[in-house]
Amino acid sequence: MRSSRAAAVLAAVLLVAFLCGCGTGKSKTSYTLIIEPQTGYQPIYDFISVAGKTVDMTMYQLSDPKAQDALRTAAKRGVRVRVLLDSDPEGGGGKTVNQAAYNDLKANGVDVRWAWSGTLWHQKSVIRDGDAAAVMTCNLYAPYYPIVRDYAVITDNSATASGMEATFNNDWNKTKSPPTKGVVPKGSELIWSPGAQPGLINLINSARPGTTLYAEDEQLDSQPIEQAFIAAAKRGVTVDLTMTYSSSYVEGFKTLAAGGVHVSLYQPNAPIYIHAKAISVNNDTVYVGSSNFTTAMTDLNRNVGIITTDPEVVRGITSTMASDFAGATPYGASP
């Protein structure tokens, strides 16, 4: 009798474990947050270096000897390495910035291509073996490393990785045409540009009264996103936006400040430059990705990000943004 009951209890425990994905060989999705410039870029080099089958990289700006060495070394040991680089002549990437890396990689066994030149391929990401991905706000551009505030999230969320891989394949095979709609499998956390504006606005709209919404960004001109920040402030959300000052975005600063948004700015010569693109709401959800809060970035350029509730990612990005906001100068005050 006791043996039967014990067996029944054990069976029930195993069933619950199976449904929960616990103790049955199904591991929990993992996330690693990288905060720059504090962490450094070694975790990204290591991510590339342990690839067993494939590495697929999309990069707006590439000039990093260690990253390039990791890609070359992977190719030499038989890993299929593909790198898609921005070639648009109007932005800060393009062939002027990326030609040296293109030449280096092509001469050393890496399959490298130029993305369609009609828009910015502003995405910064790496997919490893089709089942893990690094989603980044940072370029792999070493001259900027000491000063830029940036984030990267490495995850083995299989749906996220598969959506990024499918979209990469589309981009890789269609370098003579504009970016297609990004693939968003069920269970992924992906948000793609073109088409990111509604998702970012929905995230802002989800902020609850009495909470603090933190945001960091490099560029600003999307009126719908600005109005979503203002609407959040008017319904009782504390909205704290941190950027590096640029005269290009003064109208946006004025509009946001007049609408109740707290805007704090670093001067361009400050020790930290806000290059990150991130939003934190309700202290439980963050967006992190390559899309700035501009119409071109959300509606035209190729960008990718994730919206995640992973506690460690949320905690790390939110606390960093809070610290950055506190260290900047409120808009309108003397620097």
C-alpha atoms as a PDB file:
ATOM      1  CA  MET A   1       0.000   0.000   0.000  1.00  0.00           C
ATOM      2  CA  ARG A   2       2.750   2.428   0.990  1.00  0.00           C
ATOM      3  CA  SER A   3       4.721   1.558  -2.145  1.00  0.00           C
ATOM      4  CA  SER A   4       1.658   2.251  -4.289  1.00  0.00           C
ATOM      5  CA  ARG A   5       1.064   5.596  -2.618  1.00  0.00           C
ATOM      6  CA  ALA A   6       4.725   6.533  -2.938  1.00  0.00           C
ATOM      7  CA  ALA A   7       4.676   5.623  -6.600  1.00  0.00           C
ATOM      8  CA  ALA A   8       1.532   7.717  -7.113  1.00  0.00           C
ATOM      9  CA  VAL A   9       3.098  10.724  -5.357  1.00  0.00           C
ATOM     10  CA  LEU A  10       6.265  10.362  -7.403  1.00  0.00           C
ATOM     11  CA  ALA A  11       4.239  10.178 -10.614  1.00  0.00           C
ATOM     12  CA  ALA A  12       2.358  13.333  -9.673  1.00  0.00           C
ATOM     13  CA  VAL A  13       5.603  15.163  -8.877  1.00  0.00           C
ATOM     14  CA  LEU A  14       7.098  14.115 -12.201  1.00  0.00           C
ATOM     15  CA  LEU A  15       3.974  15.275 -14.056  1.00  0.00           C
ATOM     16  CA  VAL A  16       4.115  18.696 -12.418  1.00  0.00           C
ATOM     17  CA  ALA A  17       7.833  18.897 -13.165  1.00  0.00           C
ATOM     18  CA  PHE A  18       7.161  18.018 -16.786  1.00  0.00           C
ATOM     19  CA  LEU A  19       4.469  20.667 -17.156  1.00  0.00           C
ATOM     20  CA  CYS A  20       6.730  23.247 -15.515  1.00  0.00           C
ATOM     21  CA  GLY A  21       9.733  22.239 -17.566  1.00  0.00           C
ATOM     22  CA  CYS A  22      11.603  21.383 -14.359  1.00  0.00           C
ATOM     23  CA  GLY A  23      13.757  18.308 -13.812  1.00  0.00           C
ATOM     24  CA  THR A  24      12.900  16.793 -17.163  1.00  0.00           C
ATOM     25  CA  GLY A  25      15.765  18.018 -19.290  1.00  0.00           C
ATOM     26  CA  LYS A  26      14.002  21.243 -20.302  1.00  0.00           C
ATOM     27  CA  SER A  27      16.155  24.110 -19.075  1.00  0.00           C
ATOM     28  CA  LYS A  28      14.893  27.569 -18.260  1.00  0.00           C
ATOM     29  CA  THR A  29      15.587  30.324 -20.770  1.00  0.00           C
ATOM     30  CA  SER A  30      18.696  32.222 -19.756  1.00  0.00           C
ATOM     31  CA  TYR A  31      19.585  35.899 -20.126  1.00  0.00           C
ATOM     32  CA  THR A  32      22.890  37.679 -19.705  1.00  0.00           C
ATOM     33  CA  LEU A  33      22.904  41.465 -19.467  1.00  0.00           C
ATOM     34  CA  ILE A  34      25.964  43.398 -20.600  1.00  0.00           C
ATOM     35  CA  ILE A  35      26.214  47.041 -19.509  1.00  0.00           C
ATOM     36  CA  GLU A  36      28.726  49.221 -21.306  1.00  0.00           C
ATOM     37  CA  PRO A  37      31.238  50.629 -20.764  1.00  0.00           C
ATOM     38  CA  GLN A  38      31.516  48.842 -17.383  1.00  0.00           C
ATOM     39  CA  THR A  39      31.351  45.220 -18.559  1.00  0.00           C
ATOM     40  CA  GLY A  40      33.522  45.451 -21.649  1.00  0.00           C
ATOM     41  CA  TYR A  41      33.021  43.407 -24.806  1.00  0.00           C
ATOM     42  CA  GLN A  42      34.677  40.122 -23.852  1.00  0.00           C
ATOM     43  CA  PRO A  43      31.299  38.392 -23.267  1.00  0.00           C
ATOM     44  CA  ILE A  44      30.398  39.136 -26.896  1.00  0.00           C
ATOM     45  CA  TYR A  45      33.736  37.826 -28.180  1.00  0.00           C
ATOM     46  CA  ASP A  46      33.233  34.694 -26.059  1.00  0.00           C
ATOM     47  CA  PHE A  47      29.704  34.285 -27.408  1.00  0.00           C
ATOM     48  CA  ILE A  48      31.117  34.149 -30.930  1.00  0.00           C
ATOM     49  CA  SER A  49      34.095  31.984 -29.986  1.00  0.00           C
ATOM     50  CA  VAL A  50      32.093  29.036 -28.653  1.00  0.00           C
ATOM     51  CA  ALA A  51      29.983  28.662 -31.799  1.00  0.00           C
ATOM     52  CA  GLY A  52      29.863  25.095 -33.030  1.00  0.00           C
ATOM     53  CA  LYS A  53      28.022  25.440 -36.340  1.00  0.00           C
ATOM     54  CA  THR A  54      27.043  28.952 -37.371  1.00  0.00           C
ATOM     55  CA  VAL A  55      27.528  32.623 -36.582  1.00  0.00           C
ATOM     56  CA  ASP A  56      25.278  35.201 -38.266  1.00  0.00           C
ATOM     57  CA  MET A  57      26.004  38.859 -37.563  1.00  0.00           C
ATOM     58  CA  THR A  58      24.223  42.017 -38.675  1.00  0.00           C
ATOM     59  CA  MET A  59      26.195  45.159 -37.838  1.00  0.00           C
ATOM     60  CA  TYR A  60      25.787  48.856 -38.556  1.00  0.00           C
ATOM     61  CA  GLN A  61      29.381  49.761 -37.653  1.00  0.00           C
ATOM     62  CA  LEU A  62      32.173  47.182 -37.424  1.00  0.00           C
ATOM     63  CA  SER A  63      35.718  48.099 -36.494  1.00  0.00           C
ATOM     64  CA  ASP A  64      36.934  45.929 -33.634  1.00  0.00           C
ATOM     65  CA  PRO A  65      40.077  43.777 -34.038  1.00  0.00           C
ATOM     66  CA  LYS A  66      39.025  41.348 -31.293  1.00  0.00           C
ATOM     67  CA  ALA A  67      35.521  40.832 -32.708  1.00  0.00           C
ATOM     68  CA  GLN A  68      36.933  40.398 -36.202  1.00  0.00           C
ATOM     69  CA  ASP A  69      39.497  37.924 -34.884  1.00  0.00           C
ATOM     70  CA  ALA A  70      36.732  35.902 -33.203  1.00  0.00           C
ATOM     71  CA  LEU A  71      34.836  35.780 -36.501  1.00  0.00           C
ATOM     72  CA  ARG A  72      37.938  34.809 -38.509  1.00  0.00           C
ATOM     73  CA  THR A  73      38.919  32.148 -35.985  1.00  0.00           C
ATOM     74  CA  ALA A  74      35.440  30.628 -36.005  1.00  0.00           C
ATOM     75  CA  ALA A  75      35.496  30.458 -39.805  1.00  0.00           C
ATOM     76  CA  LYS A  76      38.919  28.798 -39.804  1.00  0.00           C
ATOM     77  CA  ARG A  77      37.702  25.993 -37.549  1.00  0.00           C
ATOM     78  CA  GLY A  78      34.806  25.228 -39.904  1.00  0.00           C
ATOM     79  CA  VAL A  79      31.979  27.342 -38.511  1.00  0.00           C
ATOM     80  CA  ARG A  80      29.814  28.944 -41.199  1.00  0.00           C
ATOM     81  CA  VAL A  81      30.218  32.664 -40.501  1.00  0.00           C
ATOM     82  CA  ARG A  82      28.062  35.221 -42.305  1.00  0.00           C
ATOM     83  CA  VAL A  83      28.291  38.967 -41.701  1.00  0.00           C
ATOM     84  CA  LEU A  84      25.854  41.521 -43.120  1.00  0.00           C
ATOM     85  CA  LEU A  85      27.119  45.109 -43.004  1.00  0.00           C
ATOM     86  CA  ASP A  86      25.387  48.453 -43.517  1.00  0.00           C
ATOM     87  CA  SER A  87      26.243  50.134 -46.822  1.00  0.00           C
ATOM     88  CA  ASP A  88      23.961  53.183 -46.819  1.00  0.00           C
ATOM     89  CA  PRO A  89      26.020  56.269 -47.750  1.00  0.00           C
ATOM     90  CA  GLU A  90      23.858  58.708 -45.759  1.00  0.00           C
ATOM     91  CA  GLY A  91      24.354  57.410 -42.226  1.00  0.00           C
ATOM     92  CA  GLY A  92      27.234  56.925 -39.834  1.00  0.00           C
ATOM     93  CA  GLY A  93      27.898  53.377 -40.970  1.00  0.00           C
ATOM     94  CA  GLY A  94      28.180  52.458 -44.625  1.00  0.00           C
ATOM     95  CA  LYS A  95      31.186  51.494 -46.683  1.00  0.00           C
ATOM     96  CA  THR A  96      33.317  54.369 -45.429  1.00  0.00           C
ATOM     97  CA  VAL A  97      33.245  52.919 -41.908  1.00  0.00           C
ATOM     98  CA  ASN A  98      32.886  49.228 -42.712  1.00  0.00           C
ATOM     99  CA  GLN A  99      35.104  48.691 -45.777  1.00  0.00           C
ATOM    100  CA  ALA A 100      38.218  47.738 -43.816  1.00  0.00           C
ATOM    101  CA  ALA A 101      36.346  45.105 -41.801  1.00  0.00           C
ATOM    102  CA  TYR A 102      34.644  43.867 -44.969  1.00  0.00           C
ATOM    103  CA  ASN A 103      37.999  43.393 -46.681  1.00  0.00           C
ATOM    104  CA  ASP A 104      39.557  41.723 -43.643  1.00  0.00           C
ATOM    105  CA  LEU A 105      36.738  39.248 -43.140  1.00  0.00           C
ATOM    106  CA  LYS A 106      36.353  38.415 -46.824  1.00  0.00           C
ATOM    107  CA  ALA A 107      40.058  37.653 -47.102  1.00  0.00           C
ATOM    108  CA  ASN A 108      39.892  35.285 -44.138  1.00  0.00           C
ATOM    109  CA  GLY A 109      37.109  32.854 -44.892  1.00  0.00           C
ATOM    110  CA  VAL A 110      34.114  34.838 -43.635  1.00  0.00           C
ATOM    111  CA  ASP A 111      31.114  35.179 -45.948  1.00  0.00           C
ATOM    112  CA  VAL A 112      30.386  38.895 -45.854  1.00  0.00           C
ATOM    113  CA  ARG A 113      27.833  40.968 -47.771  1.00  0.00           C
ATOM    114  CA  TRP A 114      26.632  44.545 -48.012  1.00  0.00           C
ATOM    115  CA  ALA A 115      23.016  45.122 -47.009  1.00  0.00           C
ATOM    116  CA  TRP A 116      20.713  47.070 -49.315  1.00  0.00           C
ATOM    117  CA  SER A 117      21.999  50.627 -49.516  1.00  0.00           C
ATOM    118  CA  GLY A 118      18.622  52.379 -49.697  1.00  0.00           C
ATOM    119  CA  THR A 119      18.184  52.584 -45.917  1.00  0.00           C
ATOM    120  CA  LEU A 120      20.239  52.191 -42.756  1.00  0.00           C
ATOM    121  CA  TRP A 121      20.842  48.593 -41.711  1.00  0.00           C
ATOM    122  CA  HIS A 122      21.117  49.867 -38.150  1.00  0.00           C
ATOM    123  CA  GLN A 123      20.669  46.475 -36.471  1.00  0.00           C
ATOM    124  CA  LYS A 124      23.385  45.230 -34.100  1.00  0.00           C
ATOM    125  CA  SER A 125      23.079  41.526 -33.380  1.00  0.00           C
ATOM    126  CA  VAL A 126      24.733  38.108 -33.438  1.00  0.00           C
ATOM    127  CA  ILE A 127      22.998  34.733 -33.748  1.00  0.00           C
ATOM    128  CA  ARG A 128      24.951  31.646 -32.691  1.00  0.00           C
ATOM    129  CA  ASP A 129      24.138  28.117 -33.858  1.00  0.00           C
ATOM    130  CA  GLY A 130      20.564  29.211 -34.585  1.00  0.00           C
ATOM    131  CA  ASP A 131      19.535  28.863 -30.947  1.00  0.00           C
ATOM    132  CA  ALA A 132      21.058  31.808 -29.063  1.00  0.00           C
ATOM    133  CA  ALA A 133      21.268  35.489 -29.851  1.00  0.00           C
ATOM    134  CA  ALA A 134      22.925  38.702 -28.730  1.00  0.00           C
ATOM    135  CA  VAL A 135      20.580  41.693 -29.089  1.00  0.00           C
ATOM    136  CA  MET A 136      22.580  44.889 -28.821  1.00  0.00           C
ATOM    137  CA  THR A 137      22.239  48.652 -28.680  1.00  0.00           C
ATOM    138  CA  CYS A 138      25.995  48.862 -29.320  1.00  0.00           C
ATOM    139  CA  ASN A 139      27.961  48.653 -32.508  1.00  0.00           C
ATOM    140  CA  LEU A 140      31.178  46.660 -32.500  1.00  0.00           C
ATOM    141  CA  TYR A 141      33.133  49.852 -33.050  1.00  0.00           C
ATOM    142  CA  ALA A 142      36.083  49.920 -30.684  1.00  0.00           C
ATOM    143  CA  PRO A 143      36.957  53.655 -30.865  1.00  0.00           C
ATOM    144  CA  TYR A 144      33.716  54.465 -29.023  1.00  0.00           C
ATOM    145  CA  TYR A 145      33.943  51.794 -26.326  1.00  0.00           C
ATOM    146  CA  PRO A 146      35.371  53.892 -23.473  1.00  0.00           C
ATOM    147  CA  ILE A 147      32.544  56.441 -23.383  1.00  0.00           C
ATOM    148  CA  VAL A 148      29.306  54.962 -24.715  1.00  0.00           C
ATOM    149  CA  ARG A 149      26.402  53.881 -22.542  1.00  0.00           C
ATOM    150  CA  ASP A 150      25.098  50.781 -24.244  1.00  0.00           C
ATOM    151  CA  TYR A 151      23.431  47.473 -23.439  1.00  0.00           C
ATOM    152  CA  ALA A 152      23.478  43.980 -24.878  1.00  0.00           C
ATOM    153  CA  VAL A 153      21.346  40.993 -23.910  1.00  0.00           C
ATOM    154  CA  ILE A 154      22.415  37.450 -24.718  1.00  0.00           C
ATOM    155  CA  THR A 155      19.583  34.924 -24.574  1.00  0.00           C
ATOM    156  CA  ASP A 156      18.881  31.341 -25.539  1.00  0.00           C
ATOM    157  CA  ASN A 157      15.163  31.994 -25.945  1.00  0.00           C
ATOM    158  CA  SER A 158      14.670  29.630 -28.880  1.00  0.00           C
ATOM    159  CA  ALA A 159      11.768  31.573 -30.394  1.00  0.00           C
ATOM    160  CA  THR A 160      13.741  34.820 -30.263  1.00  0.00           C
ATOM    161  CA  ALA A 161      16.776  33.186 -31.865  1.00  0.00           C
ATOM    162  CA  SER A 162      14.712  31.471 -34.562  1.00  0.00           C
ATOM    163  CA  GLY A 163      12.916  34.707 -35.447  1.00  0.00           C
ATOM    164  CA  MET A 164      16.221  36.511 -35.729  1.00  0.00           C
ATOM    165  CA  GLU A 165      17.698  33.702 -37.819  1.00  0.00           C
ATOM    166  CA  ALA A 166      14.733  33.650 -40.211  1.00  0.00           C
ATOM    167  CA  THR A 167      14.887  37.425 -40.627  1.00  0.00           C
ATOM    168  CA  PHE A 168      18.656  37.302 -41.127  1.00  0.00           C
ATOM    169  CA  ASN A 169      18.199  34.752 -43.903  1.00  0.00           C
ATOM    170  CA  ASN A 170      15.656  37.014 -45.597  1.00  0.00           C
ATOM    171  CA  ASP A 171      17.993  39.999 -45.347  1.00  0.00           C
ATOM    172  CA  TRP A 172      20.992  37.954 -46.485  1.00  0.00           C
ATOM    173  CA  ASN A 173      19.197  36.747 -49.597  1.00  0.00           C
ATOM    174  CA  LYS A 174      17.584  40.094 -50.485  1.00  0.00           C
ATOM    175  CA  THR A 175      20.420  42.597 -50.499  1.00  0.00           C
ATOM    176  CA  LYS A 176      18.950  44.410 -53.512  1.00  0.00           C
ATOM    177  CA  SER A 177      15.667  45.347 -51.846  1.00  0.00           C
ATOM    178  CA  PRO A 178      14.277  47.071 -48.724  1.00  0.00           C
ATOM    179  CA  PRO A 179      13.960  45.222 -45.415  1.00  0.00           C
ATOM    180  CA  THR A 180      11.026  42.849 -45.212  1.00  0.00           C
ATOM    181  CA  LYS A 181       8.800  42.432 -42.170  1.00  0.00           C
ATOM    182  CA  GLY A 182      10.758  40.867 -39.313  1.00  0.00           C
ATOM    183  CA  VAL A 183       9.773  37.375 -38.182  1.00  0.00           C
ATOM    184  CA  VAL A 184       8.213  37.210 -34.701  1.00  0.00           C
ATOM    185  CA  PRO A 185       7.534  33.593 -33.661  1.00  0.00           C
ATOM    186  CA  LYS A 186       5.180  32.844 -30.812  1.00  0.00           C
ATOM    187  CA  GLY A 187       7.093  32.985 -27.548  1.00  0.00           C
ATOM    188  CA  SER A 188       9.728  35.366 -28.848  1.00  0.00           C
ATOM    189  CA  GLU A 189      10.244  38.845 -27.404  1.00  0.00           C
ATOM    190  CA  LEU A 190      11.181  40.485 -30.687  1.00  0.00           C
ATOM    191  CA  ILE A 191      10.273  43.942 -31.927  1.00  0.00           C
ATOM    192  CA  TRP A 192      11.442  44.762 -35.461  1.00  0.00           C
ATOM    193  CA  SER A 193      11.861  47.857 -37.548  1.00  0.00           C
ATOM    194  CA  PRO A 194      10.354  48.704 -39.938  1.00  0.00           C
ATOM    195  CA  GLY A 195       7.195  48.579 -37.834  1.00  0.00           C
ATOM    196  CA  ALA A 196       8.469  49.136 -34.296  1.00  0.00           C
ATOM    197  CA  GLN A 197       6.585  52.338 -33.482  1.00  0.00           C
ATOM    198  CA  PRO A 198       3.257  50.762 -32.398  1.00  0.00           C
ATOM    199  CA  GLY A 199       5.021  48.269 -30.128  1.00  0.00           C
ATOM    200  CA  LEU A 200       7.079  50.973 -28.435  1.00  0.00           C
ATOM    201  CA  ILE A 201       3.984  53.135 -27.963  1.00  0.00           C
ATOM    202  CA  ASN A 202       2.071  50.186 -26.516  1.00  0.00           C
ATOM    203  CA  LEU A 203       4.902  49.613 -24.058  1.00  0.00           C
ATOM    204  CA  ILE A 204       4.840  53.271 -22.985  1.00  0.00           C
ATOM    205  CA  ASN A 205       1.049  53.151 -22.708  1.00  0.00           C
ATOM    206  CA  SER A 206       1.313  50.175 -20.343  1.00  0.00           C
ATOM    207  CA  ALA A 207       3.093  52.269 -17.693  1.00  0.00           C
ATOM    208  CA  ARG A 208       0.873  52.531 -14.621  1.00  0.00           C
ATOM    209  CA  PRO A 209       0.157  55.729 -12.650  1.00  0.00           C
ATOM    210  CA  GLY A 210       2.419  56.034  -9.628  1.00  0.00           C
ATOM    211  CA  THR A 211       5.328  54.238 -11.304  1.00  0.00           C
ATOM    212  CA  THR A 212       8.474  55.599 -12.935  1.00  0.00           C
ATOM    213  CA  LEU A 213       9.137  55.114 -16.624  1.00  0.00           C
ATOM    214  CA  TYR A 214      12.827  55.410 -17.495  1.00  0.00           C
ATOM    215  CA  ALA A 215      14.093  55.856 -21.042  1.00  0.00           C
ATOM    216  CA  GLU A 216      17.444  56.401 -22.715  1.00  0.00           C
ATOM    217  CA  ASP A 217      17.988  57.281 -26.330  1.00  0.00           C
ATOM    218  CA  GLU A 218      20.412  58.892 -28.762  1.00  0.00           C
ATOM    219  CA  GLN A 219      17.975  60.390 -31.279  1.00  0.00           C
ATOM    220  CA  LEU A 220      14.517  61.924 -30.995  1.00  0.00           C
ATOM    221  CA  ASP A 221      11.939  63.120 -33.520  1.00  0.00           C
ATOM    222  CA  SER A 222       8.990  60.702 -33.453  1.00  0.00           C
ATOM    223  CA  GLN A 223       5.981  62.807 -32.478  1.00  0.00           C
ATOM    224  CA  PRO A 224       3.793  59.757 -31.694  1.00  0.00           C
ATOM    225  CA  ILE A 225       6.412  58.447 -29.266  1.00  0.00           C
ATOM    226  CA  GLU A 226       6.856  61.898 -27.722  1.00  0.00           C
ATOM    227  CA  GLN A 227       3.097  62.192 -27.267  1.00  0.00           C
ATOM    228  CA  ALA A 228       2.975  58.737 -25.652  1.00  0.00           C
ATOM    229  CA  PHE A 229       5.565  59.896 -23.096  1.00  0.00           C
ATOM    230  CA  ILE A 230       3.519  63.056 -22.440  1.00  0.00           C
ATOM    231  CA  ALA A 231       0.282  61.074 -22.080  1.00  0.00           C
ATOM    232  CA  ALA A 232       2.002  58.822 -19.547  1.00  0.00           C
ATOM    233  CA  ALA A 233       3.147  61.843 -17.540  1.00  0.00           C
ATOM    234  CA  LYS A 234      -0.358  63.292 -17.581  1.00  0.00           C
ATOM    235  CA  ARG A 235      -1.875  60.108 -16.172  1.00  0.00           C
ATOM    236  CA  GLY A 236       0.493  60.117 -13.207  1.00  0.00           C
ATOM    237  CA  VAL A 237       3.544  58.246 -14.447  1.00  0.00           C
ATOM    238  CA  THR A 238       6.914  59.791 -13.620  1.00  0.00           C
ATOM    239  CA  VAL A 239       8.680  59.860 -16.990  1.00  0.00           C
ATOM    240  CA  ASP A 240      12.480  60.287 -16.814  1.00  0.00           C
ATOM    241  CA  LEU A 241      14.302  60.522 -20.156  1.00  0.00           C
ATOM    242  CA  THR A 242      18.094  60.712 -20.398  1.00  0.00           C
ATOM    243  CA  MET A 243      19.961  61.704 -23.560  1.00  0.00           C
ATOM    244  CA  THR A 244      23.129  63.410 -24.693  1.00  0.00           C
ATOM    245  CA  TYR A 245      22.440  66.967 -25.778  1.00  0.00           C
ATOM    246  CA  SER A 246      22.209  67.706 -29.491  1.00  0.00           C
ATOM    247  CA  SER A 247      20.778  70.851 -31.056  1.00  0.00           C
ATOM    248  CA  SER A 248      18.978  68.566 -33.532  1.00  0.00           C
ATOM    249  CA  TYR A 249      16.553  67.475 -30.831  1.00  0.00           C
ATOM    250  CA  VAL A 250      15.833  70.747 -29.023  1.00  0.00           C
ATOM    251  CA  GLU A 251      12.260  70.903 -30.303  1.00  0.00           C
ATOM    252  CA  GLY A 252      11.648  67.453 -28.888  1.00  0.00           C
ATOM    253  CA  PHE A 253      13.184  68.432 -25.554  1.00  0.00           C
ATOM    254  CA  LYS A 254      10.918  71.491 -25.409  1.00  0.00           C
ATOM    255  CA  THR A 255       7.799  69.511 -26.290  1.00  0.00           C
ATOM    256  CA  LEU A 256       8.489  66.799 -23.729  1.00  0.00           C
ATOM    257  CA  ALA A 257       9.398  69.205 -20.926  1.00  0.00           C
ATOM    258  CA  ALA A 258       6.283  71.276 -21.568  1.00  0.00           C
ATOM    259  CA  GLY A 259       4.222  68.071 -21.369  1.00  0.00           C
ATOM    260  CA  GLY A 260       5.520  67.071 -17.961  1.00  0.00           C
ATOM    261  CA  VAL A 261       8.310  64.707 -18.990  1.00  0.00           C
ATOM    262  CA  HIS A 262      11.561  65.032 -17.022  1.00  0.00           C
ATOM    263  CA  VAL A 263      14.381  65.405 -19.527  1.00  0.00           C
ATOM    264  CA  SER A 264      17.992  65.223 -18.302  1.00  0.00           C
ATOM    265  CA  LEU A 265      20.964  65.676 -20.590  1.00  0.00           C
ATOM    266  CA  TYR A 266      24.687  65.044 -20.726  1.00  0.00           C
ATOM    267  CA  GLN A 267      26.854  67.423 -22.672  1.00  0.00           C
ATOM    268  CA  PRO A 268      28.626  65.949 -25.732  1.00  0.00           C
ATOM    269  CA  ASN A 269      32.000  66.217 -23.970  1.00  0.00           C
ATOM    270  CA  ALA A 270      30.838  64.384 -20.833  1.00  0.00           C
ATOM    271  CA  PRO A 271      32.609  61.149 -19.771  1.00  0.00           C
ATOM    272  CA  ILE A 272      29.511  59.171 -20.792  1.00  0.00           C
ATOM    273  CA  TYR A 273      27.651  59.370 -24.111  1.00  0.00           C
ATOM    274  CA  ILE A 274      24.071  58.053 -24.191  1.00  0.00           C
ATOM    275  CA  HIS A 275      23.967  55.750 -27.202  1.00  0.00           C
ATOM    276  CA  ALA A 276      21.602  53.191 -25.638  1.00  0.00           C
ATOM    277  CA  LYS A 277      18.010  52.759 -26.755  1.00  0.00           C
ATOM    278  CA  ALA A 278      15.955  51.457 -23.845  1.00  0.00           C
ATOM    279  CA  ILE A 279      12.648  51.879 -22.001  1.00  0.00           C
ATOM    280  CA  SER A 280      11.685  50.512 -18.581  1.00  0.00           C
ATOM    281  CA  VAL A 281       8.062  50.463 -17.383  1.00  0.00           C
ATOM    282  CA  ASN A 282       6.431  49.371 -14.131  1.00  0.00           C
ATOM    283  CA  ASN A 283       9.797  48.137 -12.877  1.00  0.00           C
ATOM    284  CA  ASP A 284       9.044  44.814 -14.559  1.00  0.00           C
ATOM    285  CA  THR A 285       9.412  45.202 -18.340  1.00  0.00           C
ATOM    286  CA  VAL A 286      12.104  46.682 -20.568  1.00  0.00           C
ATOM    287  CA  TYR A 287      12.705  47.373 -24.226  1.00  0.00           C
ATOM    288  CA  VAL A 288      16.321  47.155 -25.336  1.00  0.00           C
ATOM    289  CA  GLY A 289      17.373  47.307 -28.969  1.00  0.00           C
ATOM    290  CA  SER A 290      18.845  49.292 -31.820  1.00  0.00           C
ATOM    291  CA  SER A 291      15.908  51.533 -32.730  1.00  0.00           C
ATOM    292  CA  ASN A 292      16.079  55.168 -31.663  1.00  0.00           C
ATOM    293  CA  PHE A 293      12.891  57.131 -31.075  1.00  0.00           C
ATOM    294  CA  THR A 294      12.715  58.579 -34.590  1.00  0.00           C
ATOM    295  CA  THR A 295      10.321  57.996 -37.452  1.00  0.00           C
ATOM    296  CA  ALA A 296      13.077  56.758 -39.753  1.00  0.00           C
ATOM    297  CA  MET A 297      14.418  54.331 -37.166  1.00  0.00           C
ATOM    298  CA  THR A 298      11.044  52.815 -36.305  1.00  0.00           C
ATOM    299  CA  ASP A 299       9.396  52.920 -39.751  1.00  0.00           C
ATOM    300  CA  LEU A 300      12.150  52.644 -42.388  1.00  0.00           C
ATOM    301  CA  ASN A 301      15.506  51.376 -41.111  1.00  0.00           C
ATOM    302  CA  ARG A 302      16.315  47.798 -40.155  1.00  0.00           C
ATOM    303  CA  ASN A 303      16.467  47.474 -36.377  1.00  0.00           C
ATOM    304  CA  VAL A 304      15.767  44.783 -33.820  1.00  0.00           C
ATOM    305  CA  GLY A 305      15.085  44.759 -30.111  1.00  0.00           C
ATOM    306  CA  ILE A 306      13.394  42.716 -27.443  1.00  0.00           C
ATOM    307  CA  ILE A 307      10.738  43.548 -24.875  1.00  0.00           C
ATOM    308  CA  THR A 308      11.441  41.304 -21.900  1.00  0.00           C
ATOM    309  CA  THR A 309      10.346  40.770 -18.322  1.00  0.00           C
ATOM    310  CA  ASP A 310      13.461  38.860 -17.287  1.00  0.00           C
ATOM    311  CA  PRO A 311      14.109  40.125 -13.729  1.00  0.00           C
ATOM    312  CA  GLU A 312      17.880  40.460 -14.001  1.00  0.00           C
ATOM    313  CA  VAL A 313      17.706  42.343 -17.303  1.00  0.00           C
ATOM    314  CA  VAL A 314      14.947  44.598 -15.974  1.00  0.00           C
ATOM    315  CA  ARG A 315      16.785  45.285 -12.726  1.00  0.00           C
ATOM    316  CA  GLY A 316      20.126  45.987 -14.367  1.00  0.00           C
ATOM    317  CA  ILE A 317      18.863  48.281 -17.108  1.00  0.00           C
ATOM    318  CA  THR A 318      16.398  50.112 -14.863  1.00  0.00           C
ATOM    319  CA  SER A 319      18.943  50.813 -12.131  1.00  0.00           C
ATOM    320  CA  THR A 320      21.506  51.986 -14.681  1.00  0.00           C
ATOM    321  CA  MET A 321      19.038  54.337 -16.325  1.00  0.00           C
ATOM    322  CA  ALA A 322      18.008  55.714 -12.926  1.00  0.00           C
ATOM    323  CA  SER A 323      21.648  56.390 -12.092  1.00  0.00           C
ATOM    324  CA  ASP A 324      22.308  57.992 -15.476  1.00  0.00           C
ATOM    325  CA  PHE A 325      19.264  60.237 -15.091  1.00  0.00           C
ATOM    326  CA  ALA A 326      20.380  61.346 -11.650  1.00  0.00           C
ATOM    327  CA  GLY A 327      23.835  62.216 -12.967  1.00  0.00           C
ATOM    328  CA  ALA A 328      22.650  64.338 -15.895  1.00  0.00           C
ATOM    329  CA  THR A 329      21.527  67.968 -15.948  1.00  0.00           C
ATOM    330  CA  PRO A 330      17.789  68.714 -16.136  1.00  0.00           C
ATOM    331  CA  TYR A 331      16.825  70.308 -19.437  1.00  0.00           C
ATOM    332  CA  GLY A 332      16.717  74.087 -19.104  1.00  0.00           C
ATOM    333  CA  ALA A 333      19.177  74.193 -16.213  1.00  0.00           C
ATOM    334  CA  SER A 334      22.741  75.397 -16.579  1.00  0.00           C
ATOM    335  CA  PRO A 335      25.112  72.503 -17.384  1.00  0.00           C
END
